[in-house]
Every structure is written in structure tokens, then in C-alpha cells.
Amino acid sequence: MSVKHNGSCLCGEVIFEVEGEFESFFMCHCQYCRKDTGSAHASNLFSTTAVVTWISGENNIKTYRLPSTRHVKSFCTNCGSALPNIQMGGAFLVVPAGSIDTQISNKPNAHVFVASKADWDQDLEQIPMMERLPC
């Protein structure tokens, strides 16, 4: 039986299903992933065999390819949420982990491009953790 995952964007305009296994899960700290997430890293699932099916909102998807790089980002044109895309000439399906609505059993394989980490992205496990904003 094939594994299926459901996903969506923040506004709910784009809904998709991914059928198949994810072979890897990387947290990328490169300057491009930091820029397009606005965070310390991007968290992406990769598959060479899984297939994405767009349930709704496919016309709300825009894909940006950074010139002279392999960096690609697909996103909802309404809310800006990162969405799955096909990369490397169809070799990989890349799915932002945060776009998946169902439970995923995969754990990250590695942090990649750590030489590009932001200066403030050090020893983050030492910082206090709170269940909500402290207001």
C-alpha cells in the first residue's frame, strides 16, 4: 500500500496530495533557503518516486527559479506559503515539510549547507522554550 499525505497552503486555496515515500528530509541553511523562508533554514522532504496531485488551487501556484542557481521555490500567490515543486528536470519532488497536514514519520536526515548558517543560528537548543508568546 502506498503512503499518502495531504497538504495545503495557509489560506487553504491550494490543496494537494502526495502519494509515495519520501527518501530524504533535509534542513537547509543556505542563504537562498534562509531568504525565502525568513527563518534559520528550510525543511524539505525529497522523493524520486512520489507524485503530487493538486486537489484545488493549482492556478494559485507560482514557481520562482533563482537565475544561475538550482534554487526553486513554489508558493501560493494568495498567502505566500511554500508549496511542492519538481526540481532537477523532474528527478526530485521537493515538498516543504510545513505544508504537509498529515503526520509524517520521517525525521530529518541532516542539516545541510551549515557553513552558510546565520550568525544568530547557534546553540538554539539553549534558548528557553515557551508554549506561546510571553505576553
C-alpha atoms as a PDB file:
ATOM      1  CA  MET A   1       0.000   0.000   0.000  1.00  0.00           C
ATOM      2  CA  SER A   2       1.361   3.404  -0.977  1.00  0.00           C
ATOM      3  CA  VAL A   3       1.729   6.183   1.589  1.00  0.00           C
ATOM      4  CA  LYS A   4      -0.445   9.266   1.048  1.00  0.00           C
ATOM      5  CA  HIS A   5      -0.049  12.693   2.608  1.00  0.00           C
ATOM      6  CA  ASN A   6      -2.379  15.671   2.382  1.00  0.00           C
ATOM      7  CA  GLY A   7      -1.159  19.225   2.355  1.00  0.00           C
ATOM      8  CA  SER A   8      -2.257  22.799   1.859  1.00  0.00           C
ATOM      9  CA  CYS A   9      -1.231  26.423   1.987  1.00  0.00           C
ATOM     10  CA  LEU A  10      -2.003  28.771   4.887  1.00  0.00           C
ATOM     11  CA  CYS A  11      -5.107  30.320   3.296  1.00  0.00           C
ATOM     12  CA  GLY A  12      -6.467  26.944   2.143  1.00  0.00           C
ATOM     13  CA  GLU A  13      -6.723  27.928  -1.528  1.00  0.00           C
ATOM     14  CA  VAL A  14      -4.168  25.298  -2.587  1.00  0.00           C
ATOM     15  CA  ILE A  15      -4.775  21.711  -1.508  1.00  0.00           C
ATOM     16  CA  PHE A  16      -2.671  18.777  -2.653  1.00  0.00           C
ATOM     17  CA  GLU A  17      -1.958  15.101  -2.082  1.00  0.00           C
ATOM     18  CA  VAL A  18       1.429  13.398  -2.241  1.00  0.00           C
ATOM     19  CA  GLU A  19       1.437   9.669  -2.912  1.00  0.00           C
ATOM     20  CA  GLY A  20       4.663   7.785  -2.293  1.00  0.00           C
ATOM     21  CA  GLU A  21       7.619   7.650   0.046  1.00  0.00           C
ATOM     22  CA  PHE A  22       9.996  10.451   0.941  1.00  0.00           C
ATOM     23  CA  GLU A  23      13.608   9.253   0.692  1.00  0.00           C
ATOM     24  CA  SER A  24      15.209  12.173   2.492  1.00  0.00           C
ATOM     25  CA  PHE A  25      14.443  15.131   4.730  1.00  0.00           C
ATOM     26  CA  PHE A  26      16.942  17.976   4.888  1.00  0.00           C
ATOM     27  CA  MET A  27      17.081  21.232   6.799  1.00  0.00           C
ATOM     28  CA  CYS A  28      18.923  23.626   4.501  1.00  0.00           C
ATOM     29  CA  HIS A  29      20.760  26.639   5.928  1.00  0.00           C
ATOM     30  CA  CYS A  30      21.915  28.109   2.584  1.00  0.00           C
ATOM     31  CA  GLN A  31      21.465  31.824   2.026  1.00  0.00           C
ATOM     32  CA  TYR A  32      18.682  31.215  -0.502  1.00  0.00           C
ATOM     33  CA  CYS A  33      16.587  28.984   1.784  1.00  0.00           C
ATOM     34  CA  ARG A  34      17.057  31.405   4.677  1.00  0.00           C
ATOM     35  CA  LYS A  35      15.937  34.262   2.449  1.00  0.00           C
ATOM     36  CA  ASP A  36      12.850  32.545   1.053  1.00  0.00           C
ATOM     37  CA  THR A  37      11.672  31.209   4.426  1.00  0.00           C
ATOM     38  CA  GLY A  38      12.641  34.231   6.511  1.00  0.00           C
ATOM     39  CA  SER A  39      13.985  31.756   9.055  1.00  0.00           C
ATOM     40  CA  ALA A  40      17.097  29.823  10.051  1.00  0.00           C
ATOM     41  CA  HIS A  41      16.518  27.088   7.479  1.00  0.00           C
ATOM     42  CA  ALA A  42      14.104  25.444   5.089  1.00  0.00           C
ATOM     43  CA  SER A  43      12.783  21.977   5.985  1.00  0.00           C
ATOM     44  CA  ASN A  44      12.146  19.974   2.822  1.00  0.00           C
ATOM     45  CA  LEU A  45      11.188  16.391   2.051  1.00  0.00           C
ATOM     46  CA  PHE A  46      12.602  14.839  -1.133  1.00  0.00           C
ATOM     47  CA  SER A  47      11.361  11.975  -3.275  1.00  0.00           C
ATOM     48  CA  THR A  48      12.373  10.486  -6.603  1.00  0.00           C
ATOM     49  CA  THR A  49       9.187   8.398  -6.847  1.00  0.00           C
ATOM     50  CA  ALA A  50       6.334  10.242  -5.083  1.00  0.00           C
ATOM     51  CA  VAL A  51       3.710  12.068  -7.124  1.00  0.00           C
ATOM     52  CA  VAL A  52       1.892  15.281  -6.237  1.00  0.00           C
ATOM     53  CA  THR A  53      -1.749  15.728  -7.240  1.00  0.00           C
ATOM     54  CA  TRP A  54      -3.279  19.187  -6.999  1.00  0.00           C
ATOM     55  CA  ILE A  55      -6.774  18.905  -5.479  1.00  0.00           C
ATOM     56  CA  SER A  56      -7.568  22.616  -5.733  1.00  0.00           C
ATOM     57  CA  GLY A  57      -5.926  25.961  -6.320  1.00  0.00           C
ATOM     58  CA  GLU A  58      -3.298  24.900  -8.844  1.00  0.00           C
ATOM     59  CA  ASN A  59      -3.882  28.207 -10.665  1.00  0.00           C
ATOM     60  CA  ASN A  60      -2.767  29.997  -7.441  1.00  0.00           C
ATOM     61  CA  ILE A  61       0.744  28.488  -7.608  1.00  0.00           C
ATOM     62  CA  LYS A  62       3.722  30.474  -8.817  1.00  0.00           C
ATOM     63  CA  THR A  63       7.199  28.988  -9.193  1.00  0.00           C
ATOM     64  CA  TYR A  64      10.301  31.143  -8.901  1.00  0.00           C
ATOM     65  CA  ARG A  65      13.658  29.896 -10.199  1.00  0.00           C
ATOM     66  CA  LEU A  66      16.624  31.920  -8.991  1.00  0.00           C
ATOM     67  CA  PRO A  67      18.733  32.649 -12.091  1.00  0.00           C
ATOM     68  CA  SER A  68      22.150  30.966 -12.341  1.00  0.00           C
ATOM     69  CA  THR A  69      21.351  28.609  -9.417  1.00  0.00           C
ATOM     70  CA  ARG A  70      19.436  25.375  -8.793  1.00  0.00           C
ATOM     71  CA  HIS A  71      17.241  27.170  -6.234  1.00  0.00           C
ATOM     72  CA  VAL A  72      13.483  26.849  -6.900  1.00  0.00           C
ATOM     73  CA  LYS A  73      10.514  27.867  -4.765  1.00  0.00           C
ATOM     74  CA  SER A  74       6.824  27.335  -5.454  1.00  0.00           C
ATOM     75  CA  PHE A  75       4.297  29.261  -3.412  1.00  0.00           C
ATOM     76  CA  CYS A  76       0.653  30.281  -3.143  1.00  0.00           C
ATOM     77  CA  THR A  77       0.104  33.640  -4.833  1.00  0.00           C
ATOM     78  CA  ASN A  78      -2.580  34.474  -2.267  1.00  0.00           C
ATOM     79  CA  CYS A  79      -0.827  33.777   1.065  1.00  0.00           C
ATOM     80  CA  GLY A  80       2.806  33.114   0.077  1.00  0.00           C
ATOM     81  CA  SER A  81       3.003  29.642   1.652  1.00  0.00           C
ATOM     82  CA  ALA A  82       5.738  27.373   0.294  1.00  0.00           C
ATOM     83  CA  LEU A  83       4.405  24.512  -1.829  1.00  0.00           C
ATOM     84  CA  PRO A  84       5.764  21.347  -3.518  1.00  0.00           C
ATOM     85  CA  ASN A  85       7.680  21.590  -6.769  1.00  0.00           C
ATOM     86  CA  ILE A  86       9.525  19.404  -9.230  1.00  0.00           C
ATOM     87  CA  GLN A  87      13.266  20.044  -9.498  1.00  0.00           C
ATOM     88  CA  MET A  88      16.348  18.874 -11.379  1.00  0.00           C
ATOM     89  CA  GLY A  89      14.490  18.237 -14.625  1.00  0.00           C
ATOM     90  CA  GLY A  90      11.859  16.063 -12.952  1.00  0.00           C
ATOM     91  CA  ALA A  91      14.299  13.999 -10.871  1.00  0.00           C
ATOM     92  CA  PHE A  92      13.005  15.181  -7.479  1.00  0.00           C
ATOM     93  CA  LEU A  93       9.721  16.138  -5.904  1.00  0.00           C
ATOM     94  CA  VAL A  94      10.545  18.661  -3.170  1.00  0.00           C
ATOM     95  CA  VAL A  95       7.869  19.168  -0.511  1.00  0.00           C
ATOM     96  CA  PRO A  96       8.157  21.791   2.239  1.00  0.00           C
ATOM     97  CA  ALA A  97       7.593  19.792   5.433  1.00  0.00           C
ATOM     98  CA  GLY A  98       5.423  22.535   6.921  1.00  0.00           C
ATOM     99  CA  SER A  99       2.972  22.291   4.028  1.00  0.00           C
ATOM    100  CA  ILE A 100       2.011  18.711   4.969  1.00  0.00           C
ATOM    101  CA  ASP A 101      -1.196  18.481   7.048  1.00  0.00           C
ATOM    102  CA  THR A 102      -0.956  14.777   7.884  1.00  0.00           C
ATOM    103  CA  GLN A 103       1.548  13.135  10.233  1.00  0.00           C
ATOM    104  CA  ILE A 104       4.891  12.298   8.653  1.00  0.00           C
ATOM    105  CA  SER A 105       7.044   9.607  10.179  1.00  0.00           C
ATOM    106  CA  ASN A 106      10.249  10.875   8.570  1.00  0.00           C
ATOM    107  CA  LYS A 107      12.823  12.519  10.806  1.00  0.00           C
ATOM    108  CA  PRO A 108      15.364  14.913   9.319  1.00  0.00           C
ATOM    109  CA  ASN A 109      18.422  13.201   7.848  1.00  0.00           C
ATOM    110  CA  ALA A 110      20.738  16.166   8.182  1.00  0.00           C
ATOM    111  CA  HIS A 111      21.291  19.886   8.349  1.00  0.00           C
ATOM    112  CA  VAL A 112      22.857  20.922   5.024  1.00  0.00           C
ATOM    113  CA  PHE A 113      24.850  23.982   3.993  1.00  0.00           C
ATOM    114  CA  VAL A 114      25.720  24.628   7.635  1.00  0.00           C
ATOM    115  CA  ALA A 115      28.715  26.740   6.550  1.00  0.00           C
ATOM    116  CA  SER A 116      26.068  29.272   5.462  1.00  0.00           C
ATOM    117  CA  LYS A 117      24.229  29.347   8.806  1.00  0.00           C
ATOM    118  CA  ALA A 118      23.218  32.766  10.083  1.00  0.00           C
ATOM    119  CA  ASP A 119      25.406  34.108  12.879  1.00  0.00           C
ATOM    120  CA  TRP A 120      22.439  34.024  15.255  1.00  0.00           C
ATOM    121  CA  ASP A 121      21.695  30.360  14.414  1.00  0.00           C
ATOM    122  CA  GLN A 122      23.978  28.887  17.086  1.00  0.00           C
ATOM    123  CA  ASP A 123      23.128  26.849  20.209  1.00  0.00           C
ATOM    124  CA  LEU A 124      19.390  27.432  19.746  1.00  0.00           C
ATOM    125  CA  GLU A 125      18.576  24.464  21.991  1.00  0.00           C
ATOM    126  CA  GLN A 126      19.971  26.548  24.887  1.00  0.00           C
ATOM    127  CA  ILE A 127      17.268  29.225  24.463  1.00  0.00           C
ATOM    128  CA  PRO A 128      14.173  28.909  26.710  1.00  0.00           C
ATOM    129  CA  MET A 129      11.161  27.195  25.071  1.00  0.00           C
ATOM    130  CA  MET A 130       7.665  28.546  25.655  1.00  0.00           C
ATOM    131  CA  GLU A 131       4.288  27.122  24.680  1.00  0.00           C
ATOM    132  CA  ARG A 132       3.058  30.544  23.498  1.00  0.00           C
ATOM    133  CA  LEU A 133       4.068  34.199  23.273  1.00  0.00           C
ATOM    134  CA  PRO A 134       5.092  35.585  26.682  1.00  0.00           C
ATOM    135  CA  CYS A 135       2.543  38.422  26.808  1.00  0.00           C
END
